[in-house]
């Protein structure tokens, strides 16, 4: 296009002289492509209904590049589009419908609803379909990702469109257009009074259509509506039944994803009123067909539901056998809430799982099941190569802490002291540091007890340093007890310490040191190590 021609069309597109419009419309009949496109661009730029209608009438014959020029008129052609959809000209109507969708002209919904309700209009069916398309578009805008270039407020538009659809619902007996009812449901929220009125009245003329839409529509708006219902306290059983019957993958995925939301406690209250889910029936895909995290979400969902406990256990068992690690872990955690022999056996099975996290979960819950052999199993798990399993077994045996043992030591029989001590030394990793601390206690009684416990638990070889320190204790009874205990700790350092103790000012300490040295000299090298190994074997 020449600069002179461009200037001409620029002037015509902005001129206040309305005679510019007929001139531009006449230019649409020109065979020169530059003139033709310049006229389109100028007419679209002007806010003149007649000019817009002239362009609309030619939409179906425009090239792709020429259509792009028309699309620049979004927001300026609403009046012409309204007249076009009400026109008798079928081609003009068809062109307008196509542009209404491209422009997402939601302002035209009331006009289109009126046209759709007109039983004698030949465009009623097409208008109905157009309302459905616009409703679907609006639903995607409201519930989907936001277009940063679209500055319109989706919720304001939704309220405007919904008002028109609510009036159409009230006129349903007259027009019988179920598609308009579906459009209403897609945009209605859980607080919509009219929707709740319909759902509470099975005899309402729109009831079946509304229920059918909630049960079958793949619209994001309907899916979100059902999820919103799940979060409300007064949700009717009819709606919950609809939710339980939805088995389409997109909705199931949304339902499973709700378990990750902060609002899930609210959802769980309504899930507790749902007795079954059609997507978990025998002829549907099983839990092991879900993706990894969805298996765990599924388990969280069903355990919050009101499903029969045996049915839940069936799913948990399948998850433990065929599920992925996340699913098996979630199943094991869920089993903790189920009493009885069957869940206990499943937990026992999970203790042997190949995944450390699953094994650790089962280990934590095993003690509370009171199964035969639990203690020996837990003690063996302390030697697991996986730290998480070792920690879980210690957690399950947390009552066997050194502090508990210390507080009860005086009340235990000799046999109980020994057997319990063997367990404590394996369970509580702080046993040796705690005993060393007790050896420095200000109380003579506490220090004496620490020496006795070290001997009872057969930890003398590991506590040589602390016992050697007690050979210098201010109390001769403590020094004598330490000298006596060191007889089984055959090291050069102990030998020198005992030899020095034979010169102690106390005869009792001297005698104890000499006795230990006699024993010390009679035992073979490695004897203390052999004792430690023997103790480990008992565990």
Foldseek 3Di string as FASTA:
>chain_A
DDPVLLVVLVCLLPPPPPVSLVVLLVQCPDPDPVSNLSSLLSLLSHLDLVSLLSVLLCQVVDDPVSVVSNLVSQPRHVVNLLVQCVDPPPSSNVSSLVVCLVSLVLVCLLVLLVLLLPPPDPCNVVSLVSNLSSLLVLLCCVQHDHDPVDPDDSVVSLVVNLVSLVVVLVCCVRRVDLSSVLSNLLSDALPDPVLVVLCVDVPRPNNVSNLCSLQDPPRPSSLVRLVRLLLDDPRDVSSVVSLQERQDVVSLVVVLVCLVDPSVVSSLVSQQVDAHHPCPDPVHDALQVDPQVSLLSVLVSNLSHNYDPVSSLVNLLCCCVRHDPSNVQSSLLSLLVDADDSSLVSLVVQCPDPDQSSVLSSLLSNLVNPDPPNVVSLLVQCPPPDPSSVLSSLNNVVCLELVNCVVCVVVDDLVCLQVSLLVHVSSYVCNQVVLLVQCVDPDPVSNLVSLVSCVSSLPCLVCVVSLLVQCPPPDVVSNLSSLQSCLQHQDPVNLVSLVVQLPPPDPSSVVSSVVSVVSNVPDDPCRSVVVVVVSVVVD
